[in-house]
Amino acid sequence: MFVQCPTCKQSVEWSEDNRYRPFCSERCKLIDLGAWANEEYRVPSEDEDALSDAYQQSENRKVEE
């Protein structure tokens, strides 16, 4: 099976022989790691205010019980 390298988009074989999978090379793997370290990627999450409100509501319910 072949996939695209997430960094350079080169076609790369997905196999146990490719120690960098899903990347095509160590270079692309390190570029991706650097992007995570520089916070260029973000994991989607809910709005902080909404989370804070939900937490406060759950704490209020605990106090009422």
PDB file of N, CA and C in Angstrom:
ATOM      1  N   MET A   1       0.848  -1.162   0.000  1.00  0.00           N
ATOM      2  CA  MET A   1       0.000   0.000   0.000  1.00  0.00           C
ATOM      3  C   MET A   1       0.901   1.236   0.000  1.00  0.00           C
ATOM      4  N   PHE A   2       0.487   2.247  -0.745  1.00  0.00           N
ATOM      5  CA  PHE A   2       1.234   3.494  -0.804  1.00  0.00           C
ATOM      6  C   PHE A   2       0.392   4.626  -0.226  1.00  0.00           C
ATOM      7  N   VAL A   3       1.042   5.528   0.485  1.00  0.00           N
ATOM      8  CA  VAL A   3       0.399   6.708   1.069  1.00  0.00           C
ATOM      9  C   VAL A   3       1.241   7.927   0.721  1.00  0.00           C
ATOM     10  N   GLN A   4       0.680   9.100   0.956  1.00  0.00           N
ATOM     11  CA  GLN A   4       1.429  10.336   0.748  1.00  0.00           C
ATOM     12  C   GLN A   4       2.138  10.723   2.029  1.00  0.00           C
ATOM     13  N   CYS A   5       3.391  11.115   1.911  1.00  0.00           N
ATOM     14  CA  CYS A   5       4.121  11.650   3.060  1.00  0.00           C
ATOM     15  C   CYS A   5       3.394  12.914   3.509  1.00  0.00           C
ATOM     16  N   PRO A   6       3.051  13.040   4.783  1.00  0.00           N
ATOM     17  CA  PRO A   6       2.325  14.219   5.259  1.00  0.00           C
ATOM     18  C   PRO A   6       3.100  15.526   5.076  1.00  0.00           C
ATOM     19  N   THR A   7       4.414  15.447   4.985  1.00  0.00           N
ATOM     20  CA  THR A   7       5.230  16.651   4.892  1.00  0.00           C
ATOM     21  C   THR A   7       5.454  17.090   3.454  1.00  0.00           C
ATOM     22  N   CYS A   8       5.968  16.185   2.615  1.00  0.00           N
ATOM     23  CA  CYS A   8       6.349  16.576   1.251  1.00  0.00           C
ATOM     24  C   CYS A   8       5.398  16.053   0.185  1.00  0.00           C
ATOM     25  N   LYS A   9       4.442  15.235   0.575  1.00  0.00           N
ATOM     26  CA  LYS A   9       3.419  14.661  -0.315  1.00  0.00           C
ATOM     27  C   LYS A   9       3.967  13.638  -1.300  1.00  0.00           C
ATOM     28  N   GLN A  10       5.196  13.194  -1.125  1.00  0.00           N
ATOM     29  CA  GLN A  10       5.778  12.152  -1.973  1.00  0.00           C
ATOM     30  C   GLN A  10       5.095  10.827  -1.669  1.00  0.00           C
ATOM     31  N   SER A  11       4.926  10.003  -2.682  1.00  0.00           N
ATOM     32  CA  SER A  11       4.344   8.679  -2.484  1.00  0.00           C
ATOM     33  C   SER A  11       5.356   7.802  -1.758  1.00  0.00           C
ATOM     34  N   VAL A  12       4.883   7.131  -0.705  1.00  0.00           N
ATOM     35  CA  VAL A  12       5.772   6.300   0.100  1.00  0.00           C
ATOM     36  C   VAL A  12       5.056   4.998   0.452  1.00  0.00           C
ATOM     37  N   GLU A  13       5.803   3.917   0.430  1.00  0.00           N
ATOM     38  CA  GLU A  13       5.207   2.617   0.736  1.00  0.00           C
ATOM     39  C   GLU A  13       4.981   2.483   2.238  1.00  0.00           C
ATOM     40  N   TRP A  14       3.771   2.072   2.605  1.00  0.00           N
ATOM     41  CA  TRP A  14       3.434   1.832   4.006  1.00  0.00           C
ATOM     42  C   TRP A  14       3.768   0.377   4.300  1.00  0.00           C
ATOM     43  N   SER A  15       4.921   0.169   4.897  1.00  0.00           N
ATOM     44  CA  SER A  15       5.325  -1.195   5.220  1.00  0.00           C
ATOM     45  C   SER A  15       6.231  -1.180   6.441  1.00  0.00           C
ATOM     46  N   GLU A  16       6.439  -2.343   7.009  1.00  0.00           N
ATOM     47  CA  GLU A  16       7.317  -2.449   8.174  1.00  0.00           C
ATOM     48  C   GLU A  16       8.756  -2.091   7.827  1.00  0.00           C
ATOM     49  N   ASP A  17       9.106  -2.180   6.551  1.00  0.00           N
ATOM     50  CA  ASP A  17      10.462  -1.841   6.117  1.00  0.00           C
ATOM     51  C   ASP A  17      10.736  -0.338   6.176  1.00  0.00           C
ATOM     52  N   ASN A  18       9.687   0.468   6.157  1.00  0.00           N
ATOM     53  CA  ASN A  18       9.853   1.924   6.215  1.00  0.00           C
ATOM     54  C   ASN A  18       9.793   2.362   7.677  1.00  0.00           C
ATOM     55  N   ARG A  19      10.936   2.583   8.266  1.00  0.00           N
ATOM     56  CA  ARG A  19      10.965   2.925   9.694  1.00  0.00           C
ATOM     57  C   ARG A  19      10.484   4.345   9.975  1.00  0.00           C
ATOM     58  N   TYR A  20      10.282   5.146   8.940  1.00  0.00           N
ATOM     59  CA  TYR A  20       9.819   6.525   9.126  1.00  0.00           C
ATOM     60  C   TYR A  20       8.326   6.686   8.847  1.00  0.00           C
ATOM     61  N   ARG A  21       7.636   5.596   8.522  1.00  0.00           N
ATOM     62  CA  ARG A  21       6.242   5.728   8.115  1.00  0.00           C
ATOM     63  C   ARG A  21       5.432   6.494   9.133  1.00  0.00           C
ATOM     64  N   PRO A  22       4.544   7.332   8.782  1.00  0.00           N
ATOM     65  CA  PRO A  22       4.021   7.576   7.441  1.00  0.00           C
ATOM     66  C   PRO A  22       4.869   8.545   6.616  1.00  0.00           C
ATOM     67  N   PHE A  23       6.019   8.910   7.114  1.00  0.00           N
ATOM     68  CA  PHE A  23       6.891   9.850   6.404  1.00  0.00           C
ATOM     69  C   PHE A  23       7.805   9.103   5.448  1.00  0.00           C
ATOM     70  N   CYS A  24       8.375   9.841   4.492  1.00  0.00           N
ATOM     71  CA  CYS A  24       9.257   9.205   3.518  1.00  0.00           C
ATOM     72  C   CYS A  24      10.702   9.167   4.001  1.00  0.00           C
ATOM     73  N   SER A  25      11.048  10.021   4.958  1.00  0.00           N
ATOM     74  CA  SER A  25      12.440  10.103   5.405  1.00  0.00           C
ATOM     75  C   SER A  25      12.510  10.669   6.820  1.00  0.00           C
ATOM     76  N   GLU A  26      13.689  10.568   7.398  1.00  0.00           N
ATOM     77  CA  GLU A  26      13.899  11.152   8.722  1.00  0.00           C
ATOM     78  C   GLU A  26      13.726  12.667   8.665  1.00  0.00           C
ATOM     79  N   ARG A  27      14.166  13.268   7.564  1.00  0.00           N
ATOM     80  CA  ARG A  27      14.041  14.723   7.395  1.00  0.00           C
ATOM     81  C   ARG A  27      12.578  15.158   7.512  1.00  0.00           C
ATOM     82  N   CYS A  28      11.690  14.496   6.771  1.00  0.00           N
ATOM     83  CA  CYS A  28      10.270  14.852   6.825  1.00  0.00           C
ATOM     84  C   CYS A  28       9.684  14.594   8.209  1.00  0.00           C
ATOM     85  N   LYS A  29      10.120  13.531   8.843  1.00  0.00           N
ATOM     86  CA  LYS A  29       9.662  13.221  10.200  1.00  0.00           C
ATOM     87  C   LYS A  29      10.061  14.334  11.167  1.00  0.00           C
ATOM     88  N   LEU A  30      11.302  14.820  11.051  1.00  0.00           N
ATOM     89  CA  LEU A  30      11.784  15.876  11.945  1.00  0.00           C
ATOM     90  C   LEU A  30      11.135  17.222  11.643  1.00  0.00           C
ATOM     91  N   ILE A  31      10.841  17.485  10.376  1.00  0.00           N
ATOM     92  CA  ILE A  31      10.123  18.716  10.022  1.00  0.00           C
ATOM     93  C   ILE A  31       8.760  18.722  10.703  1.00  0.00           C
ATOM     94  N   ASP A  32       8.067  17.585  10.659  1.00  0.00           N
ATOM     95  CA  ASP A  32       6.756  17.470  11.298  1.00  0.00           C
ATOM     96  C   ASP A  32       6.864  17.632  12.812  1.00  0.00           C
ATOM     97  N   LEU A  33       7.861  16.996  13.411  1.00  0.00           N
ATOM     98  CA  LEU A  33       8.070  17.124  14.855  1.00  0.00           C
ATOM     99  C   LEU A  33       8.328  18.582  15.235  1.00  0.00           C
ATOM    100  N   GLY A  34       9.133  19.271  14.431  1.00  0.00           N
ATOM    101  CA  GLY A  34       9.410  20.685  14.682  1.00  0.00           C
ATOM    102  C   GLY A  34       8.160  21.541  14.591  1.00  0.00           C
ATOM    103  N   ALA A  35       7.287  21.215  13.652  1.00  0.00           N
ATOM    104  CA  ALA A  35       6.035  21.965  13.519  1.00  0.00           C
ATOM    105  C   ALA A  35       5.172  21.798  14.767  1.00  0.00           C
ATOM    106  N   TRP A  36       5.124  20.576  15.316  1.00  0.00           N
ATOM    107  CA  TRP A  36       4.381  20.363  16.564  1.00  0.00           C
ATOM    108  C   TRP A  36       5.033  21.135  17.703  1.00  0.00           C
ATOM    109  N   ALA A  37       6.362  21.093  17.777  1.00  0.00           N
ATOM    110  CA  ALA A  37       7.078  21.778  18.861  1.00  0.00           C
ATOM    111  C   ALA A  37       6.890  23.287  18.792  1.00  0.00           C
ATOM    112  N   ASN A  38       6.758  23.824  17.584  1.00  0.00           N
ATOM    113  CA  ASN A  38       6.552  25.266  17.403  1.00  0.00           C
ATOM    114  C   ASN A  38       5.083  25.658  17.485  1.00  0.00           C
ATOM    115  N   GLU A  39       4.234  24.692  17.820  1.00  0.00           N
ATOM    116  CA  GLU A  39       2.789  24.901  17.945  1.00  0.00           C
ATOM    117  C   GLU A  39       2.155  25.386  16.651  1.00  0.00           C
ATOM    118  N   GLU A  40       2.689  24.915  15.512  1.00  0.00           N
ATOM    119  CA  GLU A  40       2.099  25.247  14.221  1.00  0.00           C
ATOM    120  C   GLU A  40       0.845  24.418  13.965  1.00  0.00           C
ATOM    121  N   TYR A  41       0.748  23.264  14.603  1.00  0.00           N
ATOM    122  CA  TYR A  41      -0.438  22.424  14.513  1.00  0.00           C
ATOM    123  C   TYR A  41      -1.249  22.629  15.785  1.00  0.00           C
ATOM    124  N   ARG A  42      -2.542  22.505  15.648  1.00  0.00           N
ATOM    125  CA  ARG A  42      -3.421  22.649  16.801  1.00  0.00           C
ATOM    126  C   ARG A  42      -4.419  21.499  16.804  1.00  0.00           C
ATOM    127  N   VAL A  43      -4.659  20.957  17.969  1.00  0.00           N
ATOM    128  CA  VAL A  43      -5.684  19.940  18.132  1.00  0.00           C
ATOM    129  C   VAL A  43      -6.977  20.684  18.426  1.00  0.00           C
ATOM    130  N   PRO A  44      -8.020  20.454  17.628  1.00  0.00           N
ATOM    131  CA  PRO A  44      -9.266  21.186  17.850  1.00  0.00           C
ATOM    132  C   PRO A  44      -9.836  20.899  19.233  1.00  0.00           C
ATOM    133  N   SER A  45     -10.366  21.934  19.849  1.00  0.00           N
ATOM    134  CA  SER A  45     -10.986  21.768  21.156  1.00  0.00           C
ATOM    135  C   SER A  45     -12.136  22.750  21.288  1.00  0.00           C
ATOM    136  N   GLU A  46     -12.883  22.551  22.329  1.00  0.00           N
ATOM    137  CA  GLU A  46     -13.998  23.452  22.590  1.00  0.00           C
ATOM    138  C   GLU A  46     -13.470  24.776  23.130  1.00  0.00           C
ATOM    139  N   ASP A  47     -14.292  25.788  23.051  1.00  0.00           N
ATOM    140  CA  ASP A  47     -13.961  27.105  23.573  1.00  0.00           C
ATOM    141  C   ASP A  47     -13.674  27.002  25.073  1.00  0.00           C
ATOM    142  N   GLU A  48     -12.620  27.660  25.545  1.00  0.00           N
ATOM    143  CA  GLU A  48     -12.246  27.579  26.965  1.00  0.00           C
ATOM    144  C   GLU A  48     -13.351  28.092  27.880  1.00  0.00           C
ATOM    145  N   ASP A  49     -14.057  29.144  27.468  1.00  0.00           N
ATOM    146  CA  ASP A  49     -15.145  29.667  28.299  1.00  0.00           C
ATOM    147  C   ASP A  49     -16.256  28.633  28.455  1.00  0.00           C
ATOM    148  N   ALA A  50     -16.566  27.928  27.376  1.00  0.00           N
ATOM    149  CA  ALA A  50     -17.607  26.901  27.441  1.00  0.00           C
ATOM    150  C   ALA A  50     -17.173  25.771  28.366  1.00  0.00           C
ATOM    151  N   LEU A  51     -15.899  25.385  28.295  1.00  0.00           N
ATOM    152  CA  LEU A  51     -15.402  24.337  29.182  1.00  0.00           C
ATOM    153  C   LEU A  51     -15.427  24.793  30.632  1.00  0.00           C
ATOM    154  N   SER A  52     -15.062  26.042  30.872  1.00  0.00           N
ATOM    155  CA  SER A  52     -15.066  26.581  32.223  1.00  0.00           C
ATOM    156  C   SER A  52     -16.488  26.603  32.786  1.00  0.00           C
ATOM    157  N   ASP A  53     -17.450  27.021  31.955  1.00  0.00           N
ATOM    158  CA  ASP A  53     -18.851  27.044  32.384  1.00  0.00           C
ATOM    159  C   ASP A  53     -19.349  25.636  32.707  1.00  0.00           C
ATOM    160  N   ALA A  54     -19.001  24.671  31.859  1.00  0.00           N
ATOM    161  CA  ALA A  54     -19.429  23.289  32.087  1.00  0.00           C
ATOM    162  C   ALA A  54     -18.818  22.752  33.375  1.00  0.00           C
ATOM    163  N   TYR A  55     -17.562  23.065  33.629  1.00  0.00           N
ATOM    164  CA  TYR A  55     -16.900  22.622  34.857  1.00  0.00           C
ATOM    165  C   TYR A  55     -17.590  23.242  36.073  1.00  0.00           C
ATOM    166  N   GLN A  56     -17.871  24.529  36.000  1.00  0.00           N
ATOM    167  CA  GLN A  56     -18.516  25.221  37.117  1.00  0.00           C
ATOM    168  C   GLN A  56     -19.892  24.626  37.392  1.00  0.00           C
ATOM    169  N   GLN A  57     -20.644  24.316  36.341  1.00  0.00           N
ATOM    170  CA  GLN A  57     -21.962  23.715  36.523  1.00  0.00           C
ATOM    171  C   GLN A  57     -21.855  22.345  37.192  1.00  0.00           C
ATOM    172  N   SER A  58     -20.859  21.559  36.788  1.00  0.00           N
ATOM    173  CA  SER A  58     -20.707  20.236  37.402  1.00  0.00           C
ATOM    174  C   SER A  58     -20.294  20.362  38.865  1.00  0.00           C
ATOM    175  N   GLU A  59     -19.472  21.345  39.186  1.00  0.00           N
ATOM    176  CA  GLU A  59     -19.079  21.575  40.577  1.00  0.00           C
ATOM    177  C   GLU A  59     -20.281  22.020  41.406  1.00  0.00           C
ATOM    178  N   ASN A  60     -21.126  22.875  40.839  1.00  0.00           N
ATOM    179  CA  ASN A  60     -22.325  23.338  41.540  1.00  0.00           C
ATOM    180  C   ASN A  60     -23.264  22.173  41.831  1.00  0.00           C
ATOM    181  N   ARG A  61     -23.383  21.230  40.887  1.00  0.00           N
ATOM    182  CA  ARG A  61     -24.239  20.061  41.098  1.00  0.00           C
ATOM    183  C   ARG A  61     -23.701  19.198  42.235  1.00  0.00           C
ATOM    184  N   LYS A  62     -22.388  19.080  42.335  1.00  0.00           N
ATOM    185  CA  LYS A  62     -21.783  18.281  43.408  1.00  0.00           C
ATOM    186  C   LYS A  62     -22.085  18.896  44.769  1.00  0.00           C
ATOM    187  N   VAL A  63     -22.032  20.219  44.852  1.00  0.00           N
ATOM    188  CA  VAL A  63     -22.288  20.919  46.112  1.00  0.00           C
ATOM    189  C   VAL A  63     -23.745  20.747  46.520  1.00  0.00           C
ATOM    190  N   GLU A  64     -24.661  20.770  45.553  1.00  0.00           N
ATOM    191  CA  GLU A  64     -26.087  20.651  45.838  1.00  0.00           C
ATOM    192  C   GLU A  64     -26.463  19.253  46.313  1.00  0.00           C
ATOM    193  N   GLU A  65     -25.705  18.244  45.927  1.00  0.00           N
ATOM    194  CA  GLU A  65     -26.046  16.858  46.288  1.00  0.00           C
ATOM    195  C   GLU A  65     -25.773  16.588  47.694  1.00  0.00           C
TER     196      GLU A  65
END
